[in-house]
């Protein structure tokens, strides 16, 4: 692939687009297979039942998702908290969850946590209460370890 990219950038771009298209096709295929009642949505129950099947688990893992954390994955995919996943939520969510977290992703989360903490502290101080949660910028108290 690197040799193709060096010799023909357009061919490399076509190859990359083909890879993305193939991945999207696999994601949509998983969703169609899991949507056994053909409603266009997946509930946790449908999702769980499908992941109990070894072939489906393997397919899920081929999408670079951790089937052992299925409920957490479902909750992350359910972007609007409705209790069910639409095809759009599924595709968008799987694309977001694919692979390992990058440094920029982790730093985005830390930035949002710091901003939220600062806003909460401002609101608490505005109410005249001495209830600040943590100094602004101190995210060590933000998250599951606190």
Protein backbone atom coordinates (compact mmCIF):
# COMPACT_ATOMS: atom_id res chain seq x y z
CA UNK A 1 0.00 0.00 0.00
CA UNK A 2 2.84 2.43 0.80
CA UNK A 3 4.45 1.62 -2.52
CA UNK A 4 1.15 2.27 -4.32
CA UNK A 5 0.76 5.57 -2.44
CA UNK A 6 4.27 6.65 -3.37
CA UNK A 7 3.76 5.82 -7.04
CA UNK A 8 0.10 6.74 -7.50
CA UNK A 9 -1.60 8.88 -4.84
CA UNK A 10 -4.95 8.61 -6.64
CA UNK A 11 -4.79 4.82 -6.55
CA UNK A 12 -3.94 4.99 -2.84
CA UNK A 13 -6.94 7.25 -2.25
CA UNK A 14 -9.22 4.86 -4.17
CA UNK A 15 -7.86 1.97 -2.12
CA UNK A 16 -8.49 3.84 1.16
CA UNK A 17 -12.04 4.75 0.09
CA UNK A 18 -12.62 1.10 -0.85
CA UNK A 19 -11.44 0.00 2.60
CA UNK A 20 -13.83 2.43 4.31
CA UNK A 21 -16.70 1.33 2.06
CA UNK A 22 -15.97 -2.30 2.86
CA UNK A 23 -15.92 -1.56 6.60
CA UNK A 24 -19.21 0.37 6.38
CA UNK A 25 -20.75 -2.53 4.46
CA UNK A 26 -19.72 -4.93 7.25
CA UNK A 27 -21.13 -2.61 9.95
CA UNK A 28 -24.46 -2.31 8.16
CA UNK A 29 -24.49 -6.07 7.58
CA UNK A 30 -24.07 -6.71 11.30
CA UNK A 31 -26.93 -4.32 12.07
CA UNK A 32 -29.26 -5.97 9.53
CA UNK A 33 -28.41 -9.41 10.90
CA UNK A 34 -29.00 -8.32 14.51
CA UNK A 35 -32.29 -6.52 13.69
CA UNK A 36 -34.29 -9.76 13.62
CA UNK A 37 -37.68 -8.03 13.93
CA UNK A 38 -36.84 -5.67 11.04
CA UNK A 39 -37.86 -2.51 12.92
CA UNK A 40 -34.73 -0.60 11.94
CA UNK A 41 -33.67 -0.45 15.58
CA UNK A 42 -31.87 -2.70 18.05
CA UNK A 43 -32.86 -3.05 21.67
CA UNK A 44 -30.43 -4.27 24.31
CA UNK A 45 -32.28 -7.60 24.30
CA UNK A 46 -31.82 -8.07 20.54
CA UNK A 47 -28.22 -6.94 20.75
CA UNK A 48 -27.45 -9.31 23.64
CA UNK A 49 -29.16 -12.29 21.98
CA UNK A 50 -27.21 -11.77 18.77
CA UNK A 51 -23.88 -11.49 20.61
CA UNK A 52 -24.57 -14.80 22.36
CA UNK A 53 -24.06 -16.52 19.01
CA UNK A 54 -20.40 -17.44 18.41
CA UNK A 55 -20.54 -16.51 14.72
CA UNK A 56 -22.02 -13.09 15.52
CA UNK A 57 -19.45 -12.51 18.30
CA UNK A 58 -16.68 -13.24 15.83
CA UNK A 59 -18.25 -10.85 13.35
CA UNK A 60 -18.54 -8.18 16.05
CA UNK A 61 -14.89 -8.65 16.93
CA UNK A 62 -13.99 -8.43 13.24
CA UNK A 63 -15.44 -4.92 13.42
CA UNK A 64 -12.72 -4.16 16.03
CA UNK A 65 -15.21 -4.05 18.91
CA UNK A 66 -14.88 -5.80 22.25
CA UNK A 67 -17.79 -8.23 22.58
CA UNK A 68 -16.96 -8.88 26.25
CA UNK A 69 -18.11 -5.35 27.05
CA UNK A 70 -21.32 -5.59 25.04
CA UNK A 71 -23.53 -3.64 27.46
CA UNK A 72 -21.05 -0.77 27.68
CA UNK A 73 -20.76 -0.78 23.89
CA UNK A 74 -24.55 -0.71 23.56
CA UNK A 75 -24.80 2.24 25.96
CA UNK A 76 -22.13 4.12 23.99
CA UNK A 77 -23.88 3.40 20.70
CA UNK A 78 -27.24 4.55 22.10
CA UNK A 79 -26.29 8.20 21.59
CA UNK A 80 -29.69 9.63 22.53
CA UNK A 81 -30.29 7.34 25.53
CA UNK A 82 -33.56 6.02 24.06
CA UNK A 83 -32.86 2.39 25.00
CA UNK A 84 -32.58 1.34 21.37
CA UNK A 85 -30.08 1.93 18.58
CA UNK A 86 -30.96 3.15 15.11
CA UNK A 87 -28.91 2.10 12.11
CA UNK A 88 -27.41 5.61 11.99
CA UNK A 89 -26.45 5.50 15.69
CA UNK A 90 -24.94 2.06 15.17
CA UNK A 91 -22.82 3.04 12.15
CA UNK A 92 -21.70 6.37 13.67
CA UNK A 93 -20.97 4.76 17.04
CA UNK A 94 -19.01 1.82 15.63
CA UNK A 95 -16.90 4.21 13.57
CA UNK A 96 -16.17 6.24 16.72
CA UNK A 97 -15.34 3.15 18.79
CA UNK A 98 -13.18 1.39 16.20
CA UNK A 99 -9.65 0.66 17.35
CA UNK A 100 -7.70 2.16 20.21
CA UNK A 101 -8.24 5.61 21.70
CA UNK A 102 -5.84 8.14 20.27
CA UNK A 103 -4.11 10.76 22.34
CA UNK A 104 -6.30 13.48 20.83
CA UNK A 105 -9.44 11.57 21.85
CA UNK A 106 -8.27 11.23 25.45
CA UNK A 107 -7.30 14.90 25.57
CA UNK A 108 -10.72 15.93 24.21
CA UNK A 109 -12.39 14.03 27.05
CA UNK A 110 -10.09 15.62 29.62
CA UNK A 111 -10.80 19.07 28.16
CA UNK A 112 -14.57 18.54 28.36
CA UNK A 113 -14.22 17.27 31.93
CA UNK A 114 -12.20 20.34 32.93
CA UNK A 115 -14.71 22.70 31.28
CA UNK A 116 -17.66 20.99 32.95
CA UNK A 117 -15.97 21.03 36.33
CA UNK A 118 -15.19 24.74 35.98
CA UNK A 119 -18.83 25.49 35.05
CA UNK A 120 -20.16 23.51 38.02
CA UNK A 121 -17.77 25.34 40.35
CA UNK A 122 -18.90 28.71 38.96
CA UNK A 123 -22.56 27.78 39.48
CA UNK A 124 -21.92 26.61 43.04
CA UNK A 125 -19.94 29.75 43.88
CA UNK A 126 -22.70 31.90 42.37
CA UNK A 127 -25.14 30.34 44.79
CA UNK A 128 -22.89 31.47 47.63
CA UNK A 129 -22.03 27.98 48.73
CA UNK A 130 -18.57 26.82 49.59
CA UNK A 131 -19.08 23.57 47.72
CA UNK A 132 -16.55 23.74 44.91
CA UNK A 133 -15.74 20.24 43.74
CA UNK A 134 -12.13 20.73 42.72
CA UNK A 135 -9.80 23.51 41.69
CA UNK A 136 -10.26 24.50 38.05
CA UNK A 137 -7.95 22.43 35.90
CA UNK A 138 -7.66 19.63 38.49
CA UNK A 139 -9.24 16.68 36.70
CA UNK A 140 -7.76 14.16 39.11
CA UNK A 141 -11.10 14.22 40.94
CA UNK A 142 -13.07 13.82 37.73
CA UNK A 143 -14.08 10.35 36.64
CA UNK A 144 -14.52 6.88 38.05
CA UNK A 145 -11.48 6.98 40.32
CA UNK A 146 -12.95 9.72 42.54
